[in-house]
Amino acid sequence: MQVTSQVGETLIRTSDAQLVRASSDQSTHDTEQVEWLTLKPEDAWDLLNVAGQHPDLVDQLRALAD
């Protein structure tokens, strides 16, 4: 599933992971993409950002968004 908000944030979710992508400053061309990856280990979403620990999963979710 992919959802994009009115302010340009994108949520890409699968059954076991979700990636939130947002630009730090939408008014300039030098925007920095901020990404927040969370996992669903059991029955609840873990709020810890683990993007740095799972770059392959981030790449997979990015590919779903493109």
PDB file of N, CA and C in Angstrom:
ATOM      1  N   MET A   1       0.841  -1.164   0.000  1.00  0.00           N
ATOM      2  CA  MET A   1       0.000   0.000   0.000  1.00  0.00           C
ATOM      3  C   MET A   1       0.891   1.233   0.000  1.00  0.00           C
ATOM      4  N   GLN A   2       0.492   2.248  -0.745  1.00  0.00           N
ATOM      5  CA  GLN A   2       1.211   3.520  -0.748  1.00  0.00           C
ATOM      6  C   GLN A   2       0.205   4.646  -0.610  1.00  0.00           C
ATOM      7  N   VAL A   3       0.496   5.590   0.287  1.00  0.00           N
ATOM      8  CA  VAL A   3      -0.355   6.746   0.524  1.00  0.00           C
ATOM      9  C   VAL A   3       0.529   7.983   0.511  1.00  0.00           C
ATOM     10  N   THR A   4       0.080   9.046  -0.169  1.00  0.00           N
ATOM     11  CA  THR A   4       0.818  10.308  -0.180  1.00  0.00           C
ATOM     12  C   THR A   4      -0.067  11.392   0.420  1.00  0.00           C
ATOM     13  N   SER A   5       0.474  12.138   1.384  1.00  0.00           N
ATOM     14  CA  SER A   5      -0.291  13.193   2.044  1.00  0.00           C
ATOM     15  C   SER A   5      -0.249  14.472   1.220  1.00  0.00           C
ATOM     16  N   GLN A   6      -1.016  15.462   1.639  1.00  0.00           N
ATOM     17  CA  GLN A   6      -1.058  16.748   0.951  1.00  0.00           C
ATOM     18  C   GLN A   6       0.246  17.517   1.079  1.00  0.00           C
ATOM     19  N   VAL A   7       1.048  17.219   2.069  1.00  0.00           N
ATOM     20  CA  VAL A   7       2.323  17.919   2.253  1.00  0.00           C
ATOM     21  C   VAL A   7       3.487  17.138   1.661  1.00  0.00           C
ATOM     22  N   GLY A   8       3.202  16.065   0.925  1.00  0.00           N
ATOM     23  CA  GLY A   8       4.241  15.348   0.215  1.00  0.00           C
ATOM     24  C   GLY A   8       4.879  14.188   0.940  1.00  0.00           C
ATOM     25  N   GLU A   9       4.383  13.834   2.107  1.00  0.00           N
ATOM     26  CA  GLU A   9       4.910  12.660   2.801  1.00  0.00           C
ATOM     27  C   GLU A   9       4.314  11.410   2.161  1.00  0.00           C
ATOM     28  N   THR A  10       5.128  10.378   2.038  1.00  0.00           N
ATOM     29  CA  THR A  10       4.666   9.130   1.434  1.00  0.00           C
ATOM     30  C   THR A  10       4.853   7.990   2.420  1.00  0.00           C
ATOM     31  N   LEU A  11       3.845   7.164   2.543  1.00  0.00           N
ATOM     32  CA  LEU A  11       3.899   5.967   3.381  1.00  0.00           C
ATOM     33  C   LEU A  11       3.801   4.764   2.463  1.00  0.00           C
ATOM     34  N   ILE A  12       4.789   3.881   2.536  1.00  0.00           N
ATOM     35  CA  ILE A  12       4.776   2.624   1.805  1.00  0.00           C
ATOM     36  C   ILE A  12       4.731   1.522   2.849  1.00  0.00           C
ATOM     37  N   ARG A  13       3.706   0.675   2.794  1.00  0.00           N
ATOM     38  CA  ARG A  13       3.542  -0.343   3.837  1.00  0.00           C
ATOM     39  C   ARG A  13       3.345  -1.719   3.206  1.00  0.00           C
ATOM     40  N   THR A  14       4.049  -2.687   3.784  1.00  0.00           N
ATOM     41  CA  THR A  14       3.822  -4.094   3.474  1.00  0.00           C
ATOM     42  C   THR A  14       3.343  -4.752   4.759  1.00  0.00           C
ATOM     43  N   SER A  15       3.186  -6.047   4.744  1.00  0.00           N
ATOM     44  CA  SER A  15       2.670  -6.721   5.940  1.00  0.00           C
ATOM     45  C   SER A  15       3.647  -6.709   7.109  1.00  0.00           C
ATOM     46  N   ASP A  16       4.949  -6.532   6.835  1.00  0.00           N
ATOM     47  CA  ASP A  16       5.923  -6.585   7.933  1.00  0.00           C
ATOM     48  C   ASP A  16       6.830  -5.367   8.055  1.00  0.00           C
ATOM     49  N   ALA A  17       6.643  -4.354   7.208  1.00  0.00           N
ATOM     50  CA  ALA A  17       7.485  -3.156   7.295  1.00  0.00           C
ATOM     51  C   ALA A  17       6.746  -1.967   6.701  1.00  0.00           C
ATOM     52  N   GLN A  18       7.141  -0.775   7.139  1.00  0.00           N
ATOM     53  CA  GLN A  18       6.607   0.440   6.532  1.00  0.00           C
ATOM     54  C   GLN A  18       7.709   1.476   6.453  1.00  0.00           C
ATOM     55  N   LEU A  19       7.675   2.266   5.375  1.00  0.00           N
ATOM     56  CA  LEU A  19       8.665   3.305   5.138  1.00  0.00           C
ATOM     57  C   LEU A  19       7.938   4.615   4.939  1.00  0.00           C
ATOM     58  N   VAL A  20       8.303   5.628   5.718  1.00  0.00           N
ATOM     59  CA  VAL A  20       7.761   6.968   5.563  1.00  0.00           C
ATOM     60  C   VAL A  20       8.848   7.808   4.927  1.00  0.00           C
ATOM     61  N   ARG A  21       8.504   8.484   3.835  1.00  0.00           N
ATOM     62  CA  ARG A  21       9.451   9.348   3.135  1.00  0.00           C
ATOM     63  C   ARG A  21       8.901  10.770   3.164  1.00  0.00           C
ATOM     64  N   ALA A  22       9.740  11.719   3.570  1.00  0.00           N
ATOM     65  CA  ALA A  22       9.328  13.117   3.630  1.00  0.00           C
ATOM     66  C   ALA A  22      10.509  13.997   3.284  1.00  0.00           C
ATOM     67  N   SER A  23      10.234  15.119   2.640  1.00  0.00           N
ATOM     68  CA  SER A  23      11.280  16.090   2.348  1.00  0.00           C
ATOM     69  C   SER A  23      11.371  17.068   3.497  1.00  0.00           C
ATOM     70  N   SER A  24      12.592  17.465   3.839  1.00  0.00           N
ATOM     71  CA  SER A  24      12.781  18.348   4.989  1.00  0.00           C
ATOM     72  C   SER A  24      12.288  19.761   4.709  1.00  0.00           C
ATOM     73  N   ASP A  25      12.433  20.248   3.471  1.00  0.00           N
ATOM     74  CA  ASP A  25      11.954  21.588   3.124  1.00  0.00           C
ATOM     75  C   ASP A  25      11.420  21.542   1.706  1.00  0.00           C
ATOM     76  N   GLN A  26      10.122  21.552   1.555  1.00  0.00           N
ATOM     77  CA  GLN A  26       9.488  21.410   0.251  1.00  0.00           C
ATOM     78  C   GLN A  26       9.565  22.688  -0.584  1.00  0.00           C
ATOM     79  N   SER A  27       9.930  23.829  -0.001  1.00  0.00           N
ATOM     80  CA  SER A  27       9.925  25.089  -0.736  1.00  0.00           C
ATOM     81  C   SER A  27      11.216  25.352  -1.494  1.00  0.00           C
ATOM     82  N   THR A  28      12.253  24.562  -1.266  1.00  0.00           N
ATOM     83  CA  THR A  28      13.515  24.759  -1.970  1.00  0.00           C
ATOM     84  C   THR A  28      13.829  23.546  -2.823  1.00  0.00           C
ATOM     85  N   HIS A  29      14.747  23.733  -3.754  1.00  0.00           N
ATOM     86  CA  HIS A  29      15.157  22.623  -4.612  1.00  0.00           C
ATOM     87  C   HIS A  29      16.195  21.745  -3.928  1.00  0.00           C
ATOM     88  N   ASP A  30      16.774  22.207  -2.831  1.00  0.00           N
ATOM     89  CA  ASP A  30      17.784  21.441  -2.103  1.00  0.00           C
ATOM     90  C   ASP A  30      17.144  20.631  -0.982  1.00  0.00           C
ATOM     91  N   THR A  31      16.052  19.977  -1.292  1.00  0.00           N
ATOM     92  CA  THR A  31      15.359  19.220  -0.250  1.00  0.00           C
ATOM     93  C   THR A  31      16.115  17.947   0.078  1.00  0.00           C
ATOM     94  N   GLU A  32      16.140  17.632   1.339  1.00  0.00           N
ATOM     95  CA  GLU A  32      16.763  16.400   1.812  1.00  0.00           C
ATOM     96  C   GLU A  32      15.658  15.395   2.101  1.00  0.00           C
ATOM     97  N   GLN A  33      15.786  14.209   1.537  1.00  0.00           N
ATOM     98  CA  GLN A  33      14.789  13.156   1.750  1.00  0.00           C
ATOM     99  C   GLN A  33      15.037  12.501   3.105  1.00  0.00           C
ATOM    100  N   VAL A  34      14.034  12.509   3.958  1.00  0.00           N
ATOM    101  CA  VAL A  34      14.106  11.866   5.262  1.00  0.00           C
ATOM    102  C   VAL A  34      13.293  10.582   5.174  1.00  0.00           C
ATOM    103  N   GLU A  35      13.885   9.482   5.618  1.00  0.00           N
ATOM    104  CA  GLU A  35      13.189   8.199   5.560  1.00  0.00           C
ATOM    105  C   GLU A  35      13.158   7.561   6.946  1.00  0.00           C
ATOM    106  N   TRP A  36      12.023   6.978   7.268  1.00  0.00           N
ATOM    107  CA  TRP A  36      11.812   6.352   8.566  1.00  0.00           C
ATOM    108  C   TRP A  36      11.264   4.954   8.317  1.00  0.00           C
ATOM    109  N   LEU A  37      12.052   3.936   8.643  1.00  0.00           N
ATOM    110  CA  LEU A  37      11.643   2.546   8.448  1.00  0.00           C
ATOM    111  C   LEU A  37      11.267   1.940   9.790  1.00  0.00           C
ATOM    112  N   THR A  38      10.085   1.353   9.863  1.00  0.00           N
ATOM    113  CA  THR A  38       9.670   0.646  11.070  1.00  0.00           C
ATOM    114  C   THR A  38       9.245  -0.767  10.688  1.00  0.00           C
ATOM    115  N   LEU A  39       9.397  -1.676  11.618  1.00  0.00           N
ATOM    116  CA  LEU A  39       9.067  -3.079  11.400  1.00  0.00           C
ATOM    117  C   LEU A  39       7.892  -3.492  12.270  1.00  0.00           C
ATOM    118  N   LYS A  40       7.203  -4.524  11.857  1.00  0.00           N
ATOM    119  CA  LYS A  40       6.097  -5.079  12.643  1.00  0.00           C
ATOM    120  C   LYS A  40       6.507  -6.480  13.076  1.00  0.00           C
ATOM    121  N   PRO A  41       7.195  -6.594  14.213  1.00  0.00           N
ATOM    122  CA  PRO A  41       7.715  -7.890  14.625  1.00  0.00           C
ATOM    123  C   PRO A  41       6.649  -8.878  15.089  1.00  0.00           C
ATOM    124  N   GLU A  42       5.628  -8.433  15.732  1.00  0.00           N
ATOM    125  CA  GLU A  42       4.575  -9.328  16.245  1.00  0.00           C
ATOM    126  C   GLU A  42       3.217  -8.774  15.822  1.00  0.00           C
ATOM    127  N   ASP A  43       2.479  -8.201  16.758  1.00  0.00           N
ATOM    128  CA  ASP A  43       1.153  -7.676  16.460  1.00  0.00           C
ATOM    129  C   ASP A  43       1.076  -6.157  16.524  1.00  0.00           C
ATOM    130  N   ALA A  44       2.185  -5.502  16.780  1.00  0.00           N
ATOM    131  CA  ALA A  44       2.176  -4.046  16.885  1.00  0.00           C
ATOM    132  C   ALA A  44       3.386  -3.476  16.159  1.00  0.00           C
ATOM    133  N   TRP A  45       3.243  -2.277  15.639  1.00  0.00           N
ATOM    134  CA  TRP A  45       4.348  -1.632  14.930  1.00  0.00           C
ATOM    135  C   TRP A  45       5.381  -1.137  15.922  1.00  0.00           C
ATOM    136  N   ASP A  46       6.642  -1.424  15.649  1.00  0.00           N
ATOM    137  CA  ASP A  46       7.761  -0.929  16.444  1.00  0.00           C
ATOM    138  C   ASP A  46       8.069   0.482  15.955  1.00  0.00           C
ATOM    139  N   LEU A  47       8.176   1.449  16.847  1.00  0.00           N
ATOM    140  CA  LEU A  47       8.386   2.838  16.451  1.00  0.00           C
ATOM    141  C   LEU A  47       9.855   3.212  16.292  1.00  0.00           C
ATOM    142  N   LEU A  48      10.742   2.264  16.446  1.00  0.00           N
ATOM    143  CA  LEU A  48      12.170   2.518  16.316  1.00  0.00           C
ATOM    144  C   LEU A  48      12.554   2.595  14.837  1.00  0.00           C
ATOM    145  N   ASN A  49      13.270   3.660  14.446  1.00  0.00           N
ATOM    146  CA  ASN A  49      13.730   3.816  13.066  1.00  0.00           C
ATOM    147  C   ASN A  49      14.913   2.886  12.838  1.00  0.00           C
ATOM    148  N   VAL A  50      14.758   1.906  11.972  1.00  0.00           N
ATOM    149  CA  VAL A  50      15.804   0.920  11.718  1.00  0.00           C
ATOM    150  C   VAL A  50      16.284   0.969  10.265  1.00  0.00           C
ATOM    151  N   ALA A  51      16.124   2.105   9.610  1.00  0.00           N
ATOM    152  CA  ALA A  51      16.515   2.234   8.201  1.00  0.00           C
ATOM    153  C   ALA A  51      17.996   1.952   8.002  1.00  0.00           C
ATOM    154  N   GLY A  52      18.844   2.407   8.900  1.00  0.00           N
ATOM    155  CA  GLY A  52      20.275   2.183   8.769  1.00  0.00           C
ATOM    156  C   GLY A  52      20.677   0.730   8.919  1.00  0.00           C
ATOM    157  N   GLN A  53      19.882  -0.041   9.625  1.00  0.00           N
ATOM    158  CA  GLN A  53      20.185  -1.453   9.855  1.00  0.00           C
ATOM    159  C   GLN A  53      19.640  -2.365   8.761  1.00  0.00           C
ATOM    160  N   HIS A  54      18.725  -1.851   7.938  1.00  0.00           N
ATOM    161  CA  HIS A  54      18.076  -2.669   6.909  1.00  0.00           C
ATOM    162  C   HIS A  54      18.044  -1.936   5.563  1.00  0.00           C
ATOM    163  N   PRO A  55      19.201  -1.593   4.991  1.00  0.00           N
ATOM    164  CA  PRO A  55      19.201  -0.844   3.725  1.00  0.00           C
ATOM    165  C   PRO A  55      18.562  -1.620   2.574  1.00  0.00           C
ATOM    166  N   ASP A  56      18.644  -2.941   2.599  1.00  0.00           N
ATOM    167  CA  ASP A  56      18.025  -3.739   1.537  1.00  0.00           C
ATOM    168  C   ASP A  56      16.504  -3.639   1.576  1.00  0.00           C
ATOM    169  N   LEU A  57      15.931  -3.619   2.767  1.00  0.00           N
ATOM    170  CA  LEU A  57      14.490  -3.473   2.915  1.00  0.00           C
ATOM    171  C   LEU A  57      14.041  -2.074   2.504  1.00  0.00           C
ATOM    172  N   VAL A  58      14.829  -1.057   2.840  1.00  0.00           N
ATOM    173  CA  VAL A  58      14.526   0.312   2.413  1.00  0.00           C
ATOM    174  C   VAL A  58      14.506   0.373   0.888  1.00  0.00           C
ATOM    175  N   ASP A  59      15.488  -0.247   0.238  1.00  0.00           N
ATOM    176  CA  ASP A  59      15.537  -0.261  -1.226  1.00  0.00           C
ATOM    177  C   ASP A  59      14.312  -0.952  -1.820  1.00  0.00           C
ATOM    178  N   GLN A  60      13.879  -2.055  -1.219  1.00  0.00           N
ATOM    179  CA  GLN A  60      12.695  -2.769  -1.711  1.00  0.00           C
ATOM    180  C   GLN A  60      11.445  -1.900  -1.614  1.00  0.00           C
ATOM    181  N   LEU A  61      11.295  -1.199  -0.493  1.00  0.00           N
ATOM    182  CA  LEU A  61      10.120  -0.350  -0.311  1.00  0.00           C
ATOM    183  C   LEU A  61      10.186   0.876  -1.212  1.00  0.00           C
ATOM    184  N   ARG A  62      11.377   1.424  -1.430  1.00  0.00           N
ATOM    185  CA  ARG A  62      11.532   2.528  -2.382  1.00  0.00           C
ATOM    186  C   ARG A  62      11.086   2.097  -3.773  1.00  0.00           C
ATOM    187  N   ALA A  63      11.472   0.884  -4.166  1.00  0.00           N
ATOM    188  CA  ALA A  63      11.106   0.376  -5.488  1.00  0.00           C
ATOM    189  C   ALA A  63       9.587   0.270  -5.635  1.00  0.00           C
ATOM    190  N   LEU A  64       8.886  -0.056  -4.561  1.00  0.00           N
ATOM    191  CA  LEU A  64       7.427  -0.106  -4.607  1.00  0.00           C
ATOM    192  C   LEU A  64       6.828   1.273  -4.848  1.00  0.00           C
ATOM    193  N   ALA A  65       7.495   2.314  -4.351  1.00  0.00           N
ATOM    194  CA  ALA A  65       6.983   3.678  -4.486  1.00  0.00           C
ATOM    195  C   ALA A  65       7.222   4.245  -5.879  1.00  0.00           C
ATOM    196  N   ASP A  66       8.233   3.744  -6.559  1.00  0.00           N
ATOM    197  CA  ASP A  66       8.582   4.295  -7.880  1.00  0.00           C
ATOM    198  C   ASP A  66       7.856   3.645  -9.012  1.00  0.00           C
TER     199      ASP A  66
END
